[in-house]
């Protein structure tokens, strides 16, 4: 039902594609700006804990008295911060850090001390015990060395033993790229003769089966702005606003298709109604869809610009009834 340009499934992005603006001149195949690729960091505070084991390679980290949620935030230039349920973070950990266990900094107050210290680790195999409000991780110690690139003042790394117990601990985990593989730099063409709902549904099915790591029952949402590329003069086109699908719950298992009661058929009906009244005679588009997908943390996890040219069979999909 669709043809995807070779570079369409390539780079990571959570950029919200530019919304359609009335009267804005654009090329017939409008392009969304290339966006920064985010990296997510996670912060887990706790009341107490321990780091124990026979050697640096075989440690167990426990964080006790944790809240039932943690903080997730992006590095620059993006400015996003969300809260994530501990149970969801534990469930998604393997997928989010599929390539390697992440680095982390454990900051805590040693027993009998007043000033906190920090140790550097890699962490893996998380387990969240909601009844005891306790996190457990496998861990490997990364010993610190002097900074050879520093100025004339050299600091000797302090010798910090593995803490058998501590209070007021905080674990900062680095390095998750938990986003879908979508490149918003090049439009993706929805073609092949299908109606709006069928073509868009085919794309979303492909996205959720190949580009987004998800678990059964995980909530998602989508938002779409739709514009029509219209010629307003010799060699001059404008992107005319058509309709807007505000943030709407989206179940990949049931909504990524031409279901009569689904959001894609409702979108198709709105576009068809506009096309019948407002499109120029013989107009074949392209329509331009700016799509954003939201994950369970309510933050954007994917964005793409989609081109749709009206096929010979028209805009309607048989499944929409």
Protein backbone atom coordinates (compact mmCIF):
# COMPACT_ATOMS: atom_id res chain seq x y z
CA UNK A 1 0.00 0.00 0.00
CA UNK A 2 2.92 2.36 0.29
CA UNK A 3 6.39 3.15 -0.99
CA UNK A 4 8.94 4.38 1.52
CA UNK A 5 11.99 6.32 0.38
CA UNK A 6 15.26 4.60 1.22
CA UNK A 7 16.30 7.17 3.81
CA UNK A 8 12.91 7.32 5.52
CA UNK A 9 13.64 4.67 8.17
CA UNK A 10 17.08 5.83 9.20
CA UNK A 11 17.74 8.31 11.98
CA UNK A 12 16.37 8.85 15.48
CA UNK A 13 14.15 11.83 16.21
CA UNK A 14 11.52 13.05 18.63
CA UNK A 15 11.07 16.36 16.89
CA UNK A 16 7.48 17.46 16.39
CA UNK A 17 7.17 18.07 12.67
CA UNK A 18 6.20 21.62 11.70
CA UNK A 19 2.44 22.26 11.83
CA UNK A 20 0.73 23.35 8.66
CA UNK A 21 0.48 27.14 8.34
CA UNK A 22 -2.06 28.73 6.03
CA UNK A 23 -0.63 30.68 3.10
CA UNK A 24 2.96 29.62 3.75
CA UNK A 25 4.79 29.11 0.48
CA UNK A 26 6.48 25.72 0.18
CA UNK A 27 7.75 23.19 -2.31
CA UNK A 28 5.30 20.58 -3.48
CA UNK A 29 7.13 17.97 -1.43
CA UNK A 30 7.57 19.98 1.77
CA UNK A 31 10.32 18.77 4.08
CA UNK A 32 10.33 18.82 7.85
CA UNK A 33 13.48 20.17 9.52
CA UNK A 34 16.08 17.63 10.51
CA UNK A 35 15.95 17.21 14.26
CA UNK A 36 18.40 16.42 17.00
CA UNK A 37 18.58 12.81 18.19
CA UNK A 38 17.71 12.66 21.86
CA UNK A 39 19.40 10.65 24.56
CA UNK A 40 17.41 10.00 27.71
CA UNK A 41 18.82 10.02 31.23
CA UNK A 42 17.10 8.61 34.31
CA UNK A 43 17.30 9.69 37.94
CA UNK A 44 16.28 7.38 40.79
CA UNK A 45 16.39 8.80 44.34
CA UNK A 46 16.24 6.53 47.39
CA UNK A 47 16.30 6.68 51.16
CA UNK A 48 19.06 4.12 51.66
CA UNK A 49 20.88 1.26 49.97
CA UNK A 50 23.95 -0.91 49.57
CA UNK A 51 26.57 -1.92 46.99
CA UNK A 52 28.07 -5.31 47.76
CA UNK A 53 29.90 -8.15 46.05
CA UNK A 54 33.16 -10.11 45.86
CA UNK A 55 34.85 -7.84 43.30
CA UNK A 56 34.30 -4.92 40.91
CA UNK A 57 32.81 -7.21 38.25
CA UNK A 58 30.15 -8.89 40.36
CA UNK A 59 28.30 -6.33 42.44
CA UNK A 60 24.69 -6.00 43.54
CA UNK A 61 23.18 -2.55 44.00
CA UNK A 62 20.09 -2.10 46.17
CA UNK A 63 18.14 1.14 46.49
CA UNK A 64 15.58 1.09 49.30
CA UNK A 65 12.81 3.52 50.05
CA UNK A 66 12.37 4.59 46.42
CA UNK A 67 9.29 6.31 45.05
CA UNK A 68 7.07 4.43 42.63
CA UNK A 69 8.26 6.64 39.77
CA UNK A 70 11.53 8.05 38.46
CA UNK A 71 12.52 11.09 36.41
CA UNK A 72 13.43 10.84 32.72
CA UNK A 73 14.97 13.81 30.93
CA UNK A 74 16.82 14.55 27.69
CA UNK A 75 20.25 15.95 27.10
CA UNK A 76 20.57 19.24 25.23
CA UNK A 77 19.48 20.80 22.93
CA UNK A 78 16.10 19.20 23.70
CA UNK A 79 14.33 20.28 26.89
CA UNK A 80 12.04 17.47 28.00
CA UNK A 81 11.39 15.97 31.42
CA UNK A 82 8.80 13.33 32.33
CA UNK A 83 8.01 10.95 35.15
CA UNK A 84 8.05 7.21 34.43
CA UNK A 85 6.52 4.46 36.56
CA UNK A 86 9.20 2.21 38.05
CA UNK A 87 7.42 -0.89 36.79
CA UNK A 88 7.46 0.48 33.23
CA UNK A 89 11.15 1.39 33.41
CA UNK A 90 12.05 -2.12 34.60
CA UNK A 91 9.91 -3.70 31.86
CA UNK A 92 11.45 -1.60 29.08
CA UNK A 93 15.05 -1.64 30.31
CA UNK A 94 16.23 -4.48 28.09
CA UNK A 95 14.79 -2.88 24.95
CA UNK A 96 15.95 0.65 25.81
CA UNK A 97 19.51 -0.52 26.50
CA UNK A 98 19.63 -3.35 23.99
CA UNK A 99 23.19 -2.70 22.82
CA UNK A 100 24.92 -2.57 26.21
CA UNK A 101 24.33 -1.96 29.90
CA UNK A 102 24.27 1.78 30.62
CA UNK A 103 26.75 3.77 32.65
CA UNK A 104 25.50 5.27 35.90
CA UNK A 105 26.65 7.46 38.78
CA UNK A 106 25.63 6.47 42.30
CA UNK A 107 25.73 9.41 44.72
CA UNK A 108 25.13 8.71 48.41
CA UNK A 109 25.99 9.67 51.98
CA UNK A 110 28.20 7.03 53.67
CA UNK A 111 27.21 5.87 57.11
CA UNK A 112 28.50 8.34 59.67
CA UNK A 113 29.36 10.99 57.05
CA UNK A 114 27.71 14.30 56.23
CA UNK A 115 29.00 15.00 52.71
CA UNK A 116 27.90 12.75 49.82
CA UNK A 117 30.34 10.90 47.54
CA UNK A 118 29.94 9.32 44.09
CA UNK A 119 31.01 6.10 42.39
CA UNK A 120 30.70 5.20 38.70
CA UNK A 121 29.07 1.94 37.61
CA UNK A 122 27.44 0.07 34.80
CA UNK A 123 24.06 -1.34 35.81
CA UNK A 124 21.85 -4.06 34.42
CA UNK A 125 19.14 -6.65 35.21
CA UNK A 126 16.86 -4.25 37.13
CA UNK A 127 14.20 -5.60 39.47
CA UNK A 128 11.57 -3.40 41.06
CA UNK A 129 9.88 -4.67 44.24
CA UNK A 130 6.84 -2.44 44.68
CA UNK A 131 5.88 -3.96 48.05
CA UNK A 132 9.29 -3.16 49.55
CA UNK A 133 9.87 -0.02 47.41
CA UNK A 134 13.28 -1.44 46.48
CA UNK A 135 15.36 -1.48 43.30
CA UNK A 136 17.96 -4.20 42.68
CA UNK A 137 20.56 -4.00 39.89
CA UNK A 138 23.57 -6.04 38.87
CA UNK A 139 26.53 -3.65 38.73
CA UNK A 140 30.14 -3.32 37.65
CA UNK A 141 32.42 -0.73 39.24
CA UNK A 142 34.29 1.70 36.97
CA UNK A 143 37.28 2.99 38.91
CA UNK A 144 38.09 6.67 38.44
CA UNK A 145 41.49 7.94 37.31
CA UNK A 146 43.13 11.37 37.18
CA UNK A 147 42.09 13.69 34.34
CA UNK A 148 45.12 13.93 32.04
CA UNK A 149 43.50 16.75 30.08
CA UNK A 150 42.99 18.97 33.11
CA UNK A 151 44.94 22.14 33.90
CA UNK A 152 47.86 22.54 36.29
CA UNK A 153 45.77 21.46 39.28
CA UNK A 154 45.74 17.65 39.44
CA UNK A 155 43.30 15.81 41.69
CA UNK A 156 44.13 12.36 42.98
CA UNK A 157 40.99 10.19 42.83
CA UNK A 158 39.89 9.31 46.36
CA UNK A 159 39.77 5.67 47.39
CA UNK A 160 36.09 4.92 48.01
CA UNK A 161 35.22 1.39 49.09
CA UNK A 162 32.02 -0.26 47.96
CA UNK A 163 29.42 0.93 50.47
CA UNK A 164 27.85 -1.92 52.40
CA UNK A 165 25.22 0.58 53.48
CA UNK A 166 24.44 4.21 52.78
CA UNK A 167 21.68 6.79 53.12
CA UNK A 168 20.12 9.31 50.73
CA UNK A 169 21.26 7.61 47.54
CA UNK A 170 20.60 8.77 43.99
CA UNK A 171 21.31 6.80 40.82
CA UNK A 172 21.74 8.69 37.53
CA UNK A 173 21.56 6.36 34.50
CA UNK A 174 22.86 7.53 31.14
CA UNK A 175 22.50 6.66 27.51
CA UNK A 176 19.05 5.46 26.40
CA UNK A 177 17.90 6.21 22.84
CA UNK A 178 14.36 4.97 23.37
CA UNK A 179 12.84 6.45 20.22
CA UNK A 180 11.47 5.17 16.98
CA UNK A 181 13.59 4.99 13.84
CA UNK A 182 12.04 7.78 11.80
CA UNK A 183 13.88 10.37 9.75
CA UNK A 184 11.85 13.57 9.56
CA UNK A 185 14.30 15.06 7.07
CA UNK A 186 12.73 13.41 4.01
CA UNK A 187 9.01 12.99 3.34
CA UNK A 188 7.65 9.46 3.17
CA UNK A 189 5.37 8.84 0.23
CA UNK A 190 2.13 6.98 0.87
CA UNK A 191 1.26 5.56 -2.54
CA UNK A 192 0.13 2.37 -4.19
CA UNK A 193 -3.51 3.16 -4.87
CA UNK A 194 -4.96 2.96 -1.38
CA UNK A 195 -7.32 5.41 0.28
CA UNK A 196 -6.15 7.70 3.08
CA UNK A 197 -6.96 5.33 5.95
CA UNK A 198 -5.51 2.26 4.20
CA UNK A 199 -2.27 3.97 3.18
CA UNK A 200 -1.71 5.72 6.50
CA UNK A 201 -2.66 2.55 8.36
CA UNK A 202 -0.10 0.60 6.36
CA UNK A 203 2.60 3.06 7.33
CA UNK A 204 1.65 3.01 11.02
CA UNK A 205 1.55 -0.80 11.04
CA UNK A 206 5.05 -0.87 9.57
CA UNK A 207 6.25 1.70 12.11
CA UNK A 208 4.90 -0.12 15.15
CA UNK A 209 6.19 -3.51 14.01
CA UNK A 210 9.69 -2.43 12.96
CA UNK A 211 10.52 0.95 14.49
CA UNK A 212 8.95 1.14 17.96
CA UNK A 213 9.70 -1.20 20.84
CA UNK A 214 6.47 -1.83 22.71
CA UNK A 215 4.78 -4.20 25.10
CA UNK A 216 1.24 -5.56 25.04
CA UNK A 217 -1.29 -3.06 26.32
CA UNK A 218 1.11 -0.12 26.35
CA UNK A 219 -0.78 3.13 25.66
CA UNK A 220 0.08 5.28 22.64
CA UNK A 221 -1.38 8.37 21.00
CA UNK A 222 -0.99 10.08 17.63
CA UNK A 223 -1.52 13.61 16.35
CA UNK A 224 -1.71 14.77 12.73
CA UNK A 225 -1.90 18.05 10.89
CA UNK A 226 -2.94 17.81 7.24
CA UNK A 227 -2.31 20.32 4.46
CA UNK A 228 -2.89 20.37 0.72
CA UNK A 229 -0.24 21.54 -1.72
CA UNK A 230 -1.94 24.01 -4.03
CA UNK A 231 -0.47 25.99 -6.92
CA UNK A 232 -1.12 29.71 -6.42
CA UNK A 233 0.96 31.06 -9.29
CA UNK A 234 3.58 30.19 -11.87
CA UNK A 235 6.05 27.97 -10.02
CA UNK A 236 4.63 28.98 -6.62
CA UNK A 237 2.80 26.61 -4.29
CA UNK A 238 1.26 26.98 -0.86
CA UNK A 239 0.41 24.46 1.82
CA UNK A 240 -3.29 25.05 2.57
CA UNK A 241 -4.61 23.81 5.95
CA UNK A 242 -7.10 20.96 5.61
CA UNK A 243 -7.73 19.38 9.00
CA UNK A 244 -6.13 18.58 12.33
CA UNK A 245 -6.32 15.36 14.32
CA UNK A 246 -5.51 16.39 17.89
CA UNK A 247 -3.69 14.04 20.19
CA UNK A 248 -5.82 10.88 20.07
CA UNK A 249 -5.37 7.50 21.81
CA UNK A 250 -4.06 4.94 19.33
CA UNK A 251 -3.97 1.16 19.74
CA UNK A 252 -1.57 -0.34 17.14
CA UNK A 253 -3.40 -3.66 17.37
CA UNK A 254 -6.79 -2.31 16.31
CA UNK A 255 -6.42 1.24 14.98
CA UNK A 256 -3.69 0.79 12.33
CA UNK A 257 -6.20 0.00 9.65
CA UNK A 258 -9.41 1.09 7.94
CA UNK A 259 -11.84 0.40 10.78
CA UNK A 260 -15.15 2.30 10.38
CA UNK A 261 -15.09 3.54 14.00
CA UNK A 262 -11.34 4.14 14.11
CA UNK A 263 -9.39 7.43 14.04
CA UNK A 264 -7.98 6.85 10.53
CA UNK A 265 -11.41 6.52 8.94
CA UNK A 266 -12.53 9.66 10.78
CA UNK A 267 -9.49 11.47 9.40
CA UNK A 268 -10.21 10.14 5.91
CA UNK A 269 -13.80 11.41 6.11
CA UNK A 270 -12.63 14.91 7.08
CA UNK A 271 -10.11 15.03 4.23
CA UNK A 272 -12.65 13.70 1.73
CA UNK A 273 -15.21 16.33 2.76
CA UNK A 274 -12.63 19.10 2.34
CA UNK A 275 -11.44 17.70 -0.98
CA UNK A 276 -14.96 17.56 -2.43
CA UNK A 277 -15.60 21.21 -1.60
CA UNK A 278 -12.26 23.01 -1.64
CA UNK A 279 -9.72 21.17 -3.78
CA UNK A 280 -9.05 22.66 -7.24
CA UNK A 281 -10.70 20.80 -10.15
CA UNK A 282 -8.60 17.79 -11.06
CA UNK A 283 -6.44 18.33 -7.98
CA UNK A 284 -4.28 15.36 -7.11
CA UNK A 285 -2.38 16.72 -4.13
CA UNK A 286 -0.04 15.94 -2.65
CA UNK A 287 -1.52 16.09 0.78
CA UNK A 288 1.13 16.55 3.45
CA UNK A 289 0.67 14.86 6.83
CA UNK A 290 2.79 15.93 9.81
CA UNK A 291 2.60 12.95 12.15
CA UNK A 292 3.66 12.71 15.80
CA UNK A 293 3.54 9.51 17.87
CA UNK A 294 3.42 9.71 21.67
CA UNK A 295 4.47 6.94 24.06
CA UNK A 296 3.35 5.90 27.51
CA UNK A 297 5.41 8.67 29.11
CA UNK A 298 3.34 11.24 27.14
CA UNK A 299 6.48 12.48 25.34
CA UNK A 300 6.87 12.33 21.54
CA UNK A 301 8.73 9.19 20.50
CA UNK A 302 8.55 9.58 16.71
CA UNK A 303 7.73 12.16 14.07
CA UNK A 304 7.55 12.07 10.28
CA UNK A 305 6.33 14.05 7.29
CA UNK A 306 4.17 11.97 4.94
CA UNK A 307 3.25 12.82 1.33
CA UNK A 308 0.00 11.43 -0.04
CA UNK A 309 -1.02 11.83 -3.69
CA UNK A 310 -4.65 11.10 -4.50
CA UNK A 311 -4.69 7.76 -6.36
CA UNK A 312 -6.88 6.96 -9.35
CA UNK A 313 -9.29 5.15 -7.08
CA UNK A 314 -9.88 8.20 -4.94
CA UNK A 315 -9.40 9.05 -1.29
CA UNK A 316 -11.74 6.51 0.28
CA UNK A 317 -10.78 3.12 1.67
CA UNK A 318 -13.23 0.17 1.29
CA UNK A 319 -12.78 -0.74 4.96
CA UNK A 320 -14.17 2.59 6.16
CA UNK A 321 -17.62 1.71 4.90
